[in-house]
Protein backbone atom coordinates (compact mmCIF):
# COMPACT_ATOMS: atom_id res chain seq x y z
CA UNK A 1 -183.48 -11.18 -7.90
CA UNK A 2 -183.04 -11.95 -11.76
CA UNK A 3 -181.11 -8.67 -13.45
CA UNK A 4 -179.40 -8.36 -16.87
CA UNK A 5 -182.60 -8.36 -18.82
CA UNK A 6 -182.78 -7.65 -22.89
CA UNK A 7 -185.98 -8.90 -24.33
CA UNK A 8 -187.15 -8.84 -28.49
CA UNK A 9 -190.53 -10.01 -29.76
CA UNK A 10 -191.47 -10.88 -32.90
CA UNK A 11 -188.22 -10.43 -34.31
CA UNK A 12 -188.13 -10.79 -38.46
CA UNK A 13 -184.61 -12.36 -39.78
CA UNK A 14 -184.01 -12.43 -43.66
CA UNK A 15 -182.98 -15.94 -45.39
CA UNK A 16 -179.64 -16.51 -44.75
CA UNK A 17 -178.75 -15.23 -40.97
CA UNK A 18 -177.68 -17.19 -38.40
CA UNK A 19 -176.45 -16.15 -34.41
CA UNK A 20 -173.10 -17.79 -33.89
CA UNK A 21 -172.22 -17.08 -30.09
CA UNK A 22 -169.28 -19.64 -29.78
CA UNK A 23 -169.05 -19.10 -26.08
CA UNK A 24 -172.93 -17.96 -25.55
CA UNK A 25 -173.95 -14.88 -24.81
CA UNK A 26 -172.71 -13.99 -21.22
CA UNK A 27 -176.00 -14.46 -19.59
CA UNK A 28 -178.79 -17.05 -19.44
CA UNK A 29 -181.29 -16.68 -22.76
CA UNK A 30 -184.77 -18.10 -23.74
CA UNK A 31 -185.87 -18.00 -27.26
CA UNK A 32 -189.08 -18.72 -28.56
CA UNK A 33 -188.63 -20.31 -32.50
CA UNK A 34 -192.12 -18.69 -34.06
CA UNK A 35 -190.56 -20.31 -37.83
CA UNK A 36 -188.81 -23.77 -38.68
CA UNK A 37 -185.22 -23.16 -38.19
CA UNK A 38 -182.17 -25.30 -37.84
CA UNK A 39 -180.63 -25.71 -34.65
CA UNK A 40 -176.76 -26.57 -33.45
CA UNK A 41 -177.16 -28.57 -30.38
CA UNK A 42 -173.86 -27.34 -28.02
CA UNK A 43 -172.16 -29.11 -25.36
CA UNK A 44 -173.59 -27.70 -21.47
CA UNK A 45 -170.64 -26.11 -19.76
CA UNK A 46 -170.14 -26.16 -16.18
CA UNK A 47 -170.08 -22.60 -14.97
CA UNK A 48 -169.78 -22.09 -11.57
CA UNK A 49 -172.26 -18.59 -11.94
CA UNK A 50 -175.14 -20.56 -13.48
CA UNK A 51 -177.80 -22.89 -12.75
CA UNK A 52 -176.11 -26.30 -12.61
CA UNK A 53 -177.37 -28.16 -15.81
CA UNK A 54 -179.38 -31.37 -14.70
CA UNK A 55 -178.80 -34.92 -15.57
CA UNK A 56 -181.50 -34.94 -17.72
CA UNK A 57 -179.92 -32.01 -19.95
CA UNK A 58 -176.96 -34.05 -19.88
CA UNK A 59 -178.33 -36.68 -20.45
CA UNK A 60 -180.66 -35.47 -23.63
CA UNK A 61 -177.34 -33.47 -25.33
CA UNK A 62 -175.31 -36.68 -25.52
CA UNK A 63 -178.26 -38.51 -27.00
CA UNK A 64 -179.96 -35.89 -29.79
CA UNK A 65 -177.33 -35.39 -33.04
CA UNK A 66 -175.34 -32.14 -33.49
CA UNK A 67 -177.03 -30.11 -36.06
CA UNK A 68 -181.60 -30.24 -36.07
CA UNK A 69 -184.45 -28.74 -37.93
CA UNK A 70 -186.77 -28.09 -35.07
CA UNK A 71 -190.62 -26.90 -36.04
CA UNK A 72 -192.33 -23.35 -35.41
CA UNK A 73 -193.33 -23.15 -31.87
CA UNK A 74 -189.92 -24.35 -30.46
CA UNK A 75 -188.04 -23.12 -27.67
CA UNK A 76 -185.06 -23.28 -25.79
CA UNK A 77 -183.09 -22.26 -22.78
CA UNK A 78 -179.39 -21.59 -22.72
CA UNK A 79 -177.26 -21.82 -19.95
CA UNK A 80 -174.30 -19.38 -19.57
CA UNK A 81 -171.23 -20.80 -21.65
CA UNK A 82 -173.24 -22.82 -24.23
CA UNK A 83 -172.28 -21.83 -27.35
CA UNK A 84 -175.45 -20.37 -29.29
CA UNK A 85 -176.27 -21.46 -33.00
CA UNK A 86 -179.35 -21.27 -35.05
CA UNK A 87 -180.70 -19.71 -38.46
CA UNK A 88 -181.68 -20.48 -42.05
CA UNK A 89 -180.53 -20.18 -45.16
CA UNK A 90 -183.73 -20.65 -47.53
CA UNK A 91 -186.07 -18.14 -45.59
CA UNK A 92 -186.91 -15.29 -43.33
CA UNK A 93 -187.70 -16.74 -39.46
CA UNK A 94 -188.96 -14.97 -36.77
CA UNK A 95 -188.06 -15.82 -33.04
CA UNK A 96 -188.97 -13.94 -29.93
CA UNK A 97 -185.87 -13.86 -26.83
CA UNK A 98 -184.63 -12.50 -23.90
CA UNK A 99 -181.87 -12.69 -21.38
CA UNK A 100 -181.67 -12.45 -18.25
CA UNK A 101 -179.27 -13.39 -15.20
CA UNK A 102 -179.99 -14.96 -11.74
CA UNK A 103 -178.28 -14.36 -8.34
CA UNK A 104 -177.30 -17.02 -5.74
CA UNK A 105 -180.56 -16.74 -4.05
CA UNK A 106 -182.32 -17.71 -7.11
CA UNK A 107 -180.73 -20.45 -8.27
CA UNK A 108 -182.45 -23.19 -6.15
CA UNK A 109 -185.46 -21.50 -7.18
CA UNK A 110 -184.36 -21.94 -10.63
CA UNK A 111 -183.73 -25.60 -10.74
CA UNK A 112 -186.99 -26.72 -8.71
CA UNK A 113 -188.59 -25.62 -12.16
CA UNK A 114 -186.84 -28.56 -13.71
CA UNK A 115 -186.47 -26.42 -17.33
CA UNK A 116 -183.71 -28.36 -18.39
CA UNK A 117 -180.73 -26.83 -20.56
CA UNK A 118 -180.22 -26.94 -24.63
CA UNK A 119 -183.30 -28.88 -24.86
CA UNK A 120 -186.45 -28.30 -27.28
CA UNK A 121 -189.70 -27.95 -25.97
CA UNK A 122 -192.04 -28.07 -28.73
CA UNK A 123 -195.21 -26.15 -27.31
CA UNK A 124 -198.73 -27.64 -27.80
CA UNK A 125 -199.65 -23.75 -28.35
CA UNK A 126 -196.69 -20.96 -28.35
CA UNK A 127 -198.64 -17.54 -28.33
CA UNK A 128 -199.28 -17.31 -24.96
CA UNK A 129 -195.80 -17.81 -24.06
CA UNK A 130 -194.70 -15.18 -26.91
CA UNK A 131 -197.09 -12.47 -25.41
CA UNK A 132 -195.68 -12.98 -22.04
CA UNK A 133 -192.48 -12.21 -23.94
CA UNK A 134 -194.07 -9.19 -26.23
CA UNK A 135 -195.32 -7.86 -22.43
CA UNK A 136 -191.94 -8.57 -20.97
CA UNK A 137 -189.66 -6.15 -23.42
CA UNK A 138 -192.65 -3.90 -23.74
CA UNK A 139 -191.75 -3.45 -19.99
CA UNK A 140 -188.00 -3.63 -20.64
CA UNK A 141 -188.66 -0.28 -23.45
CA UNK A 142 -190.80 1.65 -21.14
CA UNK A 143 -189.28 2.01 -17.84
CA UNK A 144 -190.38 3.60 -15.03
CA UNK A 145 -190.67 3.28 -11.31
CA UNK A 146 -189.96 -0.45 -9.92
CA UNK A 147 -188.52 -1.35 -13.30
CA UNK A 148 -186.22 -4.44 -11.96
CA UNK A 149 -188.84 -5.40 -9.55
CA UNK A 150 -191.10 -6.16 -12.30
CA UNK A 151 -188.91 -7.56 -14.90
CA UNK A 152 -187.77 -9.85 -12.07
CA UNK A 153 -192.00 -11.09 -11.75
CA UNK A 154 -192.58 -11.04 -15.38
CA UNK A 155 -189.57 -13.60 -16.04
CA UNK A 156 -190.70 -15.67 -12.97
CA UNK A 157 -194.16 -15.99 -14.21
CA UNK A 158 -193.07 -16.73 -17.52
CA UNK A 159 -190.51 -19.59 -16.10
CA UNK A 160 -193.32 -20.94 -14.09
CA UNK A 161 -195.73 -21.05 -16.76
CA UNK A 162 -192.97 -22.71 -19.26
CA UNK A 163 -192.30 -25.17 -16.37
CA UNK A 164 -195.85 -25.89 -16.52
CA UNK A 165 -196.17 -26.48 -20.30
CA UNK A 166 -193.41 -28.97 -19.93
CA UNK A 167 -194.84 -31.15 -17.10
CA UNK A 168 -198.07 -31.21 -19.34
CA UNK A 169 -196.02 -31.98 -22.33
CA UNK A 170 -194.13 -34.70 -20.54
CA UNK A 171 -197.70 -36.07 -19.92
CA UNK A 172 -198.79 -36.15 -23.39
CA UNK A 173 -195.67 -37.75 -24.44
CA UNK A 174 -196.19 -40.58 -22.21
CA UNK A 175 -199.74 -40.90 -23.10
CA UNK A 176 -200.98 -40.81 -19.54
CA UNK A 177 -204.89 -39.71 -18.91
CA UNK A 178 -205.08 -38.71 -22.53
CA UNK A 179 -209.19 -38.96 -24.53
CA UNK A 180 -209.34 -39.63 -27.94
CA UNK A 181 -210.55 -36.53 -28.05
CA UNK A 182 -208.19 -34.94 -25.80
CA UNK A 183 -205.51 -36.48 -28.55
CA UNK A 184 -207.32 -35.47 -31.61
CA UNK A 185 -207.55 -31.87 -30.37
CA UNK A 186 -203.36 -32.10 -29.79
CA UNK A 187 -203.39 -33.79 -33.69
CA UNK A 188 -205.20 -30.27 -35.01
CA UNK A 189 -203.18 -27.90 -32.66
CA UNK A 190 -200.36 -29.72 -34.04
CA UNK A 191 -201.50 -29.13 -37.68
CA UNK A 192 -202.48 -25.37 -37.49
CA UNK A 193 -199.51 -24.20 -35.28
CA UNK A 194 -197.30 -23.85 -38.13
CA UNK A 195 -199.92 -21.74 -40.13
CA UNK A 196 -200.59 -19.75 -37.32
CA UNK A 197 -197.01 -18.89 -36.80
CA UNK A 198 -196.55 -17.98 -40.02
CA UNK A 199 -200.09 -15.61 -40.35
CA UNK A 200 -198.90 -14.01 -37.01
CA UNK A 201 -195.07 -13.58 -37.94
CA UNK A 202 -196.16 -12.19 -41.17
CA UNK A 203 -199.32 -10.31 -40.31
CA UNK A 204 -199.08 -8.15 -43.19
CA UNK A 205 -199.73 -10.28 -45.98
CA UNK A 206 -202.67 -10.76 -47.43
CA UNK A 207 -204.32 -13.19 -45.77
CA UNK A 208 -207.44 -14.63 -47.05
CA UNK A 209 -209.90 -17.55 -45.85
CA UNK A 210 -209.91 -19.36 -48.74
CA UNK A 211 -205.70 -19.15 -48.49
CA UNK A 212 -205.48 -20.30 -44.86
CA UNK A 213 -208.13 -23.48 -45.15
CA UNK A 214 -206.30 -24.38 -48.15
CA UNK A 215 -203.33 -24.36 -46.15
CA UNK A 216 -205.04 -27.20 -43.84
CA UNK A 217 -206.53 -29.20 -46.44
CA UNK A 218 -210.34 -28.16 -44.97
CA UNK A 219 -213.11 -26.13 -46.30
CA UNK A 220 -213.55 -22.73 -45.08
CA UNK A 221 -216.49 -23.37 -43.07
CA UNK A 222 -214.70 -25.92 -41.26
CA UNK A 223 -211.09 -24.00 -40.95
CA UNK A 224 -213.15 -21.17 -39.50
CA UNK A 225 -214.56 -23.23 -36.85
CA UNK A 226 -211.67 -25.35 -35.84
CA UNK A 227 -209.61 -22.19 -35.43
CA UNK A 228 -211.97 -20.94 -33.41
CA UNK A 229 -211.74 -24.11 -30.81
CA UNK A 230 -208.26 -23.49 -30.57
CA UNK A 231 -208.08 -19.92 -29.97
CA UNK A 232 -210.95 -18.49 -29.06
CA UNK A 233 -211.08 -15.86 -31.97
CA UNK A 234 -211.83 -16.38 -35.25
CA UNK A 235 -208.64 -16.23 -38.01
CA UNK A 236 -209.75 -12.75 -39.22
CA UNK A 237 -209.69 -11.18 -35.74
CA UNK A 238 -206.52 -12.38 -35.03
CA UNK A 239 -205.10 -11.20 -38.21
CA UNK A 240 -206.47 -8.08 -37.16
CA UNK A 241 -205.37 -7.88 -33.68
CA UNK A 242 -201.66 -8.98 -34.42
CA UNK A 243 -201.88 -5.78 -37.12
CA UNK A 244 -202.57 -3.44 -34.53
CA UNK A 245 -199.91 -4.87 -32.03
CA UNK A 246 -197.23 -4.35 -34.69
CA UNK A 247 -198.52 -1.07 -35.62
CA UNK A 248 -198.43 -0.05 -31.88
CA UNK A 249 -195.08 -1.33 -31.82
CA UNK A 250 -193.83 0.82 -34.94
CA UNK A 251 -195.75 4.06 -33.44
CA UNK A 252 -194.05 3.58 -30.09
CA UNK A 253 -190.18 2.74 -31.60
CA UNK A 254 -190.12 4.74 -34.97
CA UNK A 255 -190.88 8.35 -35.95
CA UNK A 256 -192.79 6.92 -39.12
CA UNK A 257 -195.88 8.86 -40.35
CA UNK A 258 -199.05 7.69 -39.37
CA UNK A 259 -200.06 7.04 -43.15
CA UNK A 260 -196.61 5.13 -43.30
CA UNK A 261 -197.32 2.89 -40.11
CA UNK A 262 -200.95 1.70 -42.17
CA UNK A 263 -198.75 0.56 -45.19
CA UNK A 264 -196.21 -1.16 -43.06
CA UNK A 265 -198.63 -2.65 -41.00
CA UNK A 266 -200.77 -4.44 -44.04
CA UNK A 267 -203.23 -1.70 -44.89
CA UNK A 268 -203.99 -0.14 -48.30
CA UNK A 269 -206.40 2.25 -46.88
CA UNK A 270 -205.15 5.14 -43.52
CA UNK A 271 -208.82 5.33 -43.15
CA UNK A 272 -209.64 1.65 -42.55
CA UNK A 273 -206.45 1.76 -40.17
CA UNK A 274 -207.25 4.50 -38.02
CA UNK A 275 -211.06 2.80 -37.88
CA UNK A 276 -209.29 -0.24 -36.82
CA UNK A 277 -206.50 1.17 -33.91
CA UNK A 278 -209.19 3.02 -32.74
CA UNK A 279 -211.46 0.05 -32.28
CA UNK A 280 -208.45 -1.94 -31.05
CA UNK A 281 -206.84 0.32 -29.11
CA UNK A 282 -209.43 3.21 -27.77
CA UNK A 283 -207.60 5.96 -29.06
CA UNK A 284 -206.37 7.08 -32.47
CA UNK A 285 -202.68 5.81 -33.56
CA UNK A 286 -201.47 9.78 -32.65
CA UNK A 287 -202.78 10.12 -29.15
CA UNK A 288 -201.28 6.06 -28.76
CA UNK A 289 -197.91 7.35 -30.00
CA UNK A 290 -197.98 10.79 -27.55
CA UNK A 291 -199.12 8.38 -24.68
CA UNK A 292 -196.58 5.52 -25.18
CA UNK A 293 -193.87 8.23 -25.34
CA UNK A 294 -194.54 10.10 -22.13
């Protein structure tokens, strides 16, 4: 069973913050960078108690430079014992992560996924995976019956999705079966990915359609149409949903008064916050807090 789980979602780090663990964290680590990041490629250790590094992983490590800038939407898997070093000096940065361990019975299953260690994987759309880490973190925080089994199931599902994403990414890189329309859609995703990561990572900012469209060099109407086609929602609704999720986190994890939760979540009006929170959550912030803390 997958065990020793720790998880975090939507962690914003200040400029100058670096994670530096010369001998790793003592377990396996998955990290999804939702901001541009600088990353130092580690050597891959040979650890008897961890899933083995594949030949492809070793070759990738040998072929790449030691220090790299990675774009938003990149994820990584660290094996046990590998040095972990990433951060940036110039701006704040955002990531999702989880630590975990496996017993011997699960190592064959993990190896069959073909997920390489210490190899950056740029996701076509990082947000479904980010949502999966959020659900994992919430499950861990809430506890309850059958918690080990529920955590195990969530991580297995997430790793399977990641393996499928990698397979699809490999096919795209190789150019197999990609129509002109598909290639154009991929280009739009790559163009929009950094902006959406920034929007959802800093959902409390005063985002306007005009500013978002300007960042992609599109008209407001074209920007809105493309955004909906890529993500199935409007830019405004995406920002609202992100603010409500963050408000839920503050209600659950802090004792801040509702008015301060509203302010910290990007709302200038508590009344407006109350209306939107009830519309999205089906209850008031106070009812949500009471329910989540039972």
